C-alpha atoms as a PDB file:
ATOM      1  CA  MET A   1      27.182  -4.623  -9.097  1.00  0.00           C
ATOM      2  CA  ASN A   2      25.463  -1.085 -10.182  1.00  0.00           C
ATOM      3  CA  ARG A   3      23.222   0.989  -8.374  1.00  0.00           C
ATOM      4  CA  PHE A   4      19.966  -0.392  -9.725  1.00  0.00           C
ATOM      5  CA  PHE A   5      21.060  -4.290  -9.424  1.00  0.00           C
ATOM      6  CA  LEU A   6      21.669  -3.760  -6.174  1.00  0.00           C
ATOM      7  CA  VAL A   7      18.059  -1.932  -5.210  1.00  0.00           C
ATOM      8  CA  LEU A   8      16.613  -4.520  -7.355  1.00  0.00           C
ATOM      9  CA  LEU A   9      17.808  -7.146  -5.466  1.00  0.00           C
ATOM     10  CA  LEU A  10      17.263  -5.582  -2.247  1.00  0.00           C
ATOM     11  CA  PHE A  11      13.654  -5.254  -3.202  1.00  0.00           C
ATOM     12  CA  THR A  12      13.200  -8.891  -4.328  1.00  0.00           C
ATOM     13  CA  LEU A  13      14.649 -10.099  -0.992  1.00  0.00           C
ATOM     14  CA  CYS A  14      12.489  -7.883   0.788  1.00  0.00           C
ATOM     15  CA  CYS A  15       9.161  -8.807  -1.230  1.00  0.00           C
ATOM     16  CA  SER A  16       9.695 -12.161  -0.882  1.00  0.00           C
ATOM     17  CA  ALA A  17      10.232 -12.780   2.498  1.00  0.00           C
ATOM     18  CA  GLY A  18       6.320 -12.580   3.019  1.00  0.00           C
ATOM     19  CA  SER A  19       6.308 -12.544   6.351  1.00  0.00           C
ATOM     20  CA  ILE A  20       4.963  -8.404   6.400  1.00  0.00           C
ATOM     21  CA  ALA A  21       1.874  -7.789   5.354  1.00  0.00           C
ATOM     22  CA  GLN A  22       0.738  -4.594   3.562  1.00  0.00           C
ATOM     23  CA  PRO A  23      -1.995  -2.775   5.646  1.00  0.00           C
ATOM     24  CA  ASP A  24      -5.690  -2.742   3.900  1.00  0.00           C
ATOM     25  CA  TYR A  25      -6.847   0.467   4.107  1.00  0.00           C
ATOM     26  CA  GLN A  26     -10.149   0.706   2.651  1.00  0.00           C
ATOM     27  CA  LEU A  27     -13.526   2.912   3.077  1.00  0.00           C
ATOM     28  CA  GLU A  28     -16.632   2.334   2.588  1.00  0.00           C
ATOM     29  CA  GLY A  29     -19.048   2.971  -0.652  1.00  0.00           C
ATOM     30  CA  LYS A  30     -19.141   2.743  -4.263  1.00  0.00           C
ATOM     31  CA  LEU A  31     -16.040   2.804  -6.094  1.00  0.00           C
ATOM     32  CA  PHE A  32     -16.283   5.001  -9.156  1.00  0.00           C
ATOM     33  CA  SER A  33     -13.741   4.685 -12.016  1.00  0.00           C
ATOM     34  CA  SER A  34     -15.647   6.442 -14.241  1.00  0.00           C
ATOM     35  CA  LEU A  35     -14.910  10.749 -14.289  1.00  0.00           C
ATOM     36  CA  LYS A  36     -17.992  10.440 -16.451  1.00  0.00           C
ATOM     37  CA  GLU A  37     -20.550   8.679 -14.397  1.00  0.00           C
ATOM     38  CA  ALA A  38     -18.965  10.260 -10.950  1.00  0.00           C
ATOM     39  CA  LEU A  39     -19.656  14.050 -12.675  1.00  0.00           C
ATOM     40  CA  ALA A  40     -23.516  12.958 -13.290  1.00  0.00           C
ATOM     41  CA  GLN A  41     -23.810  12.339  -9.592  1.00  0.00           C
ATOM     42  CA  PRO A  42     -20.497  14.676  -7.916  1.00  0.00           C
ATOM     43  CA  ASP A  43     -21.876  14.800  -4.418  1.00  0.00           C
ATOM     44  CA  SER A  44     -22.527  11.488  -3.727  1.00  0.00           C
ATOM     45  CA  VAL A  45     -18.719  10.333  -4.902  1.00  0.00           C
ATOM     46  CA  THR A  46     -16.566   9.563  -1.989  1.00  0.00           C
ATOM     47  CA  ARG A  47     -14.204   7.152  -3.611  1.00  0.00           C
ATOM     48  CA  LEU A  48     -12.703   7.434  -7.187  1.00  0.00           C
ATOM     49  CA  SER A  49     -10.061   5.394  -8.644  1.00  0.00           C
ATOM     50  CA  LEU A  50      -8.659   6.724 -11.894  1.00  0.00           C
ATOM     51  CA  ARG A  51      -6.001   4.369 -11.886  1.00  0.00           C
ATOM     52  CA  ARG A  52      -4.354   2.979 -15.176  1.00  0.00           C
ATOM     53  CA  LYS A  53      -6.018   6.171 -17.672  1.00  0.00           C
ATOM     54  CA  ARG A  54      -2.775   7.121 -18.804  1.00  0.00           C
ATOM     55  CA  LEU A  55      -3.260  10.686 -16.758  1.00  0.00           C
ATOM     56  CA  ARG A  56       0.206  13.229 -17.245  1.00  0.00           C
ATOM     57  CA  SER A  57      -1.899  15.244 -14.124  1.00  0.00           C
ATOM     58  CA  ILE A  58      -4.605  15.018 -11.908  1.00  0.00           C
ATOM     59  CA  PRO A  59      -8.212  16.457 -13.461  1.00  0.00           C
ATOM     60  CA  PRO A  60      -9.056  19.237 -12.533  1.00  0.00           C
ATOM     61  CA  GLU A  61     -12.934  17.481 -12.045  1.00  0.00           C
ATOM     62  CA  VAL A  62     -11.701  16.023  -9.095  1.00  0.00           C
ATOM     63  CA  TYR A  63     -12.481  19.118  -7.125  1.00  0.00           C
ATOM     64  CA  LEU A  64     -15.846  18.947  -8.142  1.00  0.00           C
ATOM     65  CA  PHE A  65     -16.727  15.984  -5.723  1.00  0.00           C
ATOM     66  CA  PRO A  66     -17.097  17.869  -2.260  1.00  0.00           C
ATOM     67  CA  ASN A  67     -17.389  14.561  -0.097  1.00  0.00           C
ATOM     68  CA  LEU A  68     -14.012  13.036  -2.342  1.00  0.00           C
ATOM     69  CA  ARG A  69     -12.582  10.965   0.544  1.00  0.00           C
ATOM     70  CA  GLU A  70     -10.518   8.592  -1.783  1.00  0.00           C
ATOM     71  CA  LEU A  71      -8.510   8.884  -4.414  1.00  0.00           C
ATOM     72  CA  ASP A  72      -6.453   6.232  -6.718  1.00  0.00           C
ATOM     73  CA  LEU A  73      -4.097   7.724  -9.391  1.00  0.00           C
ATOM     74  CA  GLY A  74      -1.570   5.246  -9.522  1.00  0.00           C
ATOM     75  CA  SER A  75       0.215   3.624 -12.824  1.00  0.00           C
ATOM     76  CA  ASN A  76      -0.337   7.310 -14.694  1.00  0.00           C
ATOM     77  CA  LYS A  77       2.275   9.499 -15.840  1.00  0.00           C
ATOM     78  CA  ILE A  78       1.928  12.372 -13.287  1.00  0.00           C
ATOM     79  CA  SER A  79       4.824  14.296 -12.664  1.00  0.00           C
ATOM     80  CA  ALA A  80       3.767  17.145  -9.949  1.00  0.00           C
ATOM     81  CA  LEU A  81       0.687  17.421  -7.754  1.00  0.00           C
ATOM     82  CA  PRO A  82      -1.083  21.133  -8.270  1.00  0.00           C
ATOM     83  CA  ASP A  83      -0.712  23.629  -5.570  1.00  0.00           C
ATOM     84  CA  ASP A  84      -4.668  23.573  -4.739  1.00  0.00           C
ATOM     85  CA  LEU A  85      -4.594  19.970  -3.722  1.00  0.00           C
ATOM     86  CA  GLY A  86      -5.615  21.109  -0.660  1.00  0.00           C
ATOM     87  CA  ARG A  87      -8.960  21.570  -1.642  1.00  0.00           C
ATOM     88  CA  LEU A  88      -9.611  18.100  -1.461  1.00  0.00           C
ATOM     89  CA  GLU A  89     -10.426  19.021   2.280  1.00  0.00           C
ATOM     90  CA  LYS A  90     -11.708  15.046   3.351  1.00  0.00           C
ATOM     91  CA  LEU A  91      -9.611  13.223   1.813  1.00  0.00           C
ATOM     92  CA  GLU A  92      -8.385  10.387   3.709  1.00  0.00           C
ATOM     93  CA  ILE A  93      -6.871   8.069   1.334  1.00  0.00           C
ATOM     94  CA  LEU A  94      -4.530   9.326  -1.850  1.00  0.00           C
ATOM     95  CA  ARG A  95      -2.530   7.006  -3.798  1.00  0.00           C
ATOM     96  CA  LEU A  96      -0.026   7.866  -6.060  1.00  0.00           C
ATOM     97  CA  SER A  97       2.105   4.935  -7.131  1.00  0.00           C
ATOM     98  CA  ARG A  98       3.815   4.507 -10.079  1.00  0.00           C
ATOM     99  CA  ASN A  99       3.951   7.669 -11.390  1.00  0.00           C
ATOM    100  CA  LYS A 100       6.545  10.230 -12.287  1.00  0.00           C
ATOM    101  CA  LEU A 101       6.881  12.234  -9.203  1.00  0.00           C
ATOM    102  CA  ASP A 102      10.707  13.271  -8.613  1.00  0.00           C
ATOM    103  CA  SER A 103       8.927  15.821  -5.954  1.00  0.00           C
ATOM    104  CA  LEU A 104       6.259  16.974  -3.823  1.00  0.00           C
ATOM    105  CA  ASN A 105       5.026  20.516  -3.231  1.00  0.00           C
ATOM    106  CA  LYS A 106       3.720  21.759  -0.245  1.00  0.00           C
ATOM    107  CA  SER A 107       0.280  21.334  -0.907  1.00  0.00           C
ATOM    108  CA  ILE A 108       0.573  17.971   0.650  1.00  0.00           C
ATOM    109  CA  GLY A 109       0.508  19.379   4.081  1.00  0.00           C
ATOM    110  CA  ASP A 110      -2.796  20.980   3.220  1.00  0.00           C
ATOM    111  CA  LEU A 111      -4.563  17.770   3.438  1.00  0.00           C
ATOM    112  CA  LYS A 112      -5.569  17.263   7.079  1.00  0.00           C
ATOM    113  CA  GLU A 113      -7.718  14.240   6.875  1.00  0.00           C
ATOM    114  CA  LEU A 114      -5.369  12.340   5.420  1.00  0.00           C
ATOM    115  CA  ARG A 115      -4.812   8.788   7.106  1.00  0.00           C
ATOM    116  CA  TYR A 116      -3.105   7.043   4.035  1.00  0.00           C
ATOM    117  CA  LEU A 117      -0.735   7.878   1.410  1.00  0.00           C
ATOM    118  CA  ASP A 118       0.973   5.799  -1.725  1.00  0.00           C
ATOM    119  CA  LEU A 119       3.863   7.369  -2.634  1.00  0.00           C
ATOM    120  CA  GLY A 120       5.413   4.098  -3.824  1.00  0.00           C
ATOM    121  CA  LYS A 121       7.675   3.847  -7.031  1.00  0.00           C
ATOM    122  CA  ASN A 122       8.114   7.393  -8.124  1.00  0.00           C
ATOM    123  CA  ASN A 123      11.113   9.143  -8.328  1.00  0.00           C
ATOM    124  CA  ILE A 124      10.941  11.108  -5.323  1.00  0.00           C
ATOM    125  CA  SER A 125      14.240  12.685  -3.319  1.00  0.00           C
ATOM    126  CA  LYS A 126      12.921  14.604  -1.348  1.00  0.00           C
ATOM    127  CA  LEU A 127       9.667  14.781   1.366  1.00  0.00           C
ATOM    128  CA  PRO A 128       8.678  18.625   2.192  1.00  0.00           C
ATOM    129  CA  TYR A 129       8.328  19.921   5.185  1.00  0.00           C
ATOM    130  CA  GLU A 130       5.060  20.222   5.264  1.00  0.00           C
ATOM    131  CA  ILE A 131       4.730  16.009   5.525  1.00  0.00           C
ATOM    132  CA  GLY A 132       4.293  16.902   9.444  1.00  0.00           C
ATOM    133  CA  ASN A 133       1.120  18.643   9.128  1.00  0.00           C
ATOM    134  CA  LEU A 134       0.072  15.546   8.337  1.00  0.00           C
ATOM    135  CA  ARG A 135      -1.469  14.600  12.130  1.00  0.00           C
ATOM    136  CA  LYS A 136      -3.747  11.732  11.023  1.00  0.00           C
ATOM    137  CA  LEU A 137      -1.614  10.125   8.660  1.00  0.00           C
ATOM    138  CA  GLU A 138      -1.594   6.495   9.719  1.00  0.00           C
ATOM    139  CA  PHE A 139       0.206   5.096   6.771  1.00  0.00           C
ATOM    140  CA  LEU A 140       2.628   6.283   4.576  1.00  0.00           C
ATOM    141  CA  GLN A 141       4.533   3.992   1.237  1.00  0.00           C
ATOM    142  CA  ILE A 142       7.370   5.814  -0.414  1.00  0.00           C
ATOM    143  CA  TRP A 143       8.978   2.244  -0.942  1.00  0.00           C
ATOM    144  CA  GLY A 144      11.132   2.556  -4.147  1.00  0.00           C
ATOM    145  CA  ASN A 145      12.095   6.321  -4.524  1.00  0.00           C
ATOM    146  CA  GLU A 146      15.225   7.758  -3.648  1.00  0.00           C
ATOM    147  CA  VAL A 147      14.847   9.146  -0.291  1.00  0.00           C
ATOM    148  CA  SER A 148      17.049   9.213   2.126  1.00  0.00           C
ATOM    149  CA  GLN A 149      16.431  11.170   4.993  1.00  0.00           C
ATOM    150  CA  LEU A 150      13.253  12.320   6.290  1.00  0.00           C
ATOM    151  CA  PRO A 151      12.365  15.760   7.630  1.00  0.00           C
ATOM    152  CA  GLU A 152      12.863  15.645  10.893  1.00  0.00           C
ATOM    153  CA  SER A 153       9.158  17.317  10.909  1.00  0.00           C
ATOM    154  CA  ILE A 154       8.233  13.301  10.501  1.00  0.00           C
ATOM    155  CA  SER A 155       8.328  12.682  14.249  1.00  0.00           C
ATOM    156  CA  ASP A 156       5.196  14.892  14.118  1.00  0.00           C
ATOM    157  CA  LEU A 157       3.464  12.136  12.972  1.00  0.00           C
ATOM    158  CA  THR A 158       2.224  10.878  16.155  1.00  0.00           C
ATOM    159  CA  THR A 159      -0.575   8.245  14.355  1.00  0.00           C
ATOM    160  CA  LEU A 160       1.563   7.110  12.274  1.00  0.00           C
ATOM    161  CA  LYS A 161       1.820   3.032  12.521  1.00  0.00           C
ATOM    162  CA  TRP A 162       3.667   1.835   9.448  1.00  0.00           C
ATOM    163  CA  LEU A 163       6.003   3.273   6.885  1.00  0.00           C
ATOM    164  CA  ASP A 164       7.376   1.337   3.801  1.00  0.00           C
ATOM    165  CA  MET A 165      10.762   2.386   2.348  1.00  0.00           C
ATOM    166  CA  ARG A 166      11.833  -0.657   1.393  1.00  0.00           C
ATOM    167  CA  ALA A 167      14.110  -1.029  -1.795  1.00  0.00           C
ATOM    168  CA  ILE A 168      15.818   2.137  -0.978  1.00  0.00           C
ATOM    169  CA  LEU A 169      19.605   2.066  -0.763  1.00  0.00           C
ATOM    170  CA  LEU A 170      20.445   4.057   2.916  1.00  0.00           C
ATOM    171  CA  THR A 171      23.262   3.788   4.702  1.00  0.00           C
ATOM    172  CA  ASP A 172      23.990   2.400   8.040  1.00  0.00           C
ATOM    173  CA  SER A 173      24.069   5.930   9.625  1.00  0.00           C
ATOM    174  CA  GLU A 174      20.641   7.405   7.727  1.00  0.00           C
ATOM    175  CA  ARG A 175      18.932   3.682   8.454  1.00  0.00           C
ATOM    176  CA  GLU A 176      19.460   4.925  11.991  1.00  0.00           C
ATOM    177  CA  ASP A 177      18.532   8.498  11.423  1.00  0.00           C
ATOM    178  CA  ILE A 178      14.958   7.120  10.384  1.00  0.00           C
ATOM    179  CA  LEU A 179      14.557   4.841  13.533  1.00  0.00           C
ATOM    180  CA  LEU A 180      15.379   7.613  15.478  1.00  0.00           C
ATOM    181  CA  LEU A 181      12.819   9.591  14.230  1.00  0.00           C
ATOM    182  CA  LEU A 182      10.119   6.969  14.521  1.00  0.00           C
ATOM    183  CA  PRO A 183      10.784   4.950  17.009  1.00  0.00           C
ATOM    184  CA  ASP A 184       6.745   4.004  17.968  1.00  0.00           C
ATOM    185  CA  THR A 185       6.349   2.668  14.163  1.00  0.00           C
ATOM    186  CA  GLU A 186       6.539   0.046  12.195  1.00  0.00           C
ATOM    187  CA  LEU A 187       9.098   0.312   9.496  1.00  0.00           C
ATOM    188  CA  LEU A 188       9.314  -1.600   6.668  1.00  0.00           C
ATOM    189  CA  ILE A 189      12.892  -1.021   5.325  1.00  0.00           C
ATOM    190  CA  SER A 190      15.615  -2.438   3.582  1.00  0.00           C
ATOM    191  CA  PRO A 191      18.912  -3.098   5.416  1.00  0.00           C
ATOM    192  CA  GLY A 192      21.670  -0.736   5.576  1.00  0.00           C
ATOM    193  CA  CYS A 193      24.334  -0.402   3.300  1.00  0.00           C
ATOM    194  CA  ASN A 194      27.230   1.865   2.825  1.00  0.00           C
ATOM    195  CA  CYS A 195      27.824   0.791  -0.906  1.00  0.00           C
ATOM    196  CA  GLY A 196      28.542   3.433  -3.400  1.00  0.00           C
ATOM    197  CA  LYS A 197      27.397   6.402  -0.855  1.00  0.00           C
END
């Protein structure tokens, strides 16, 4: 059985179990889904969804919203995050699932207010050391990526309640290392496997 079908089988089994509810982390306030509408009242924008807009990069206009606390860029074609991402100082929720990211630059660590980070279903193989700077992070989704090891700095995330690493092929040893790094975090993790590694 090739690697793709094994990952697909693991993901299907994990998702069909149904016993694990994903956290629903949302903020109050109007959710803007159009940049044009949001730009008409930039100081009022706290939540912005640019989901499924075929974006290849993060629009520079998002930096014009000084009170932005939630940004949903899921289901686009974004392949890299900009170095100035940290300018979004008030951001608490960042959704980047189902994009084309293959890495994260260290600017992710500048989002000091971040509580929820969704990176699911990308092509990320490694998290930067700076992920450990997100001291308020409570929920982290990296399911469906190629991350097999976490940086030691992740153990600095003492507020991390929940980590989703389903549909990632991990050896038993890699799985144990992750469990040791995050003893107080609820982990959604596929069973260990020594298949082809």
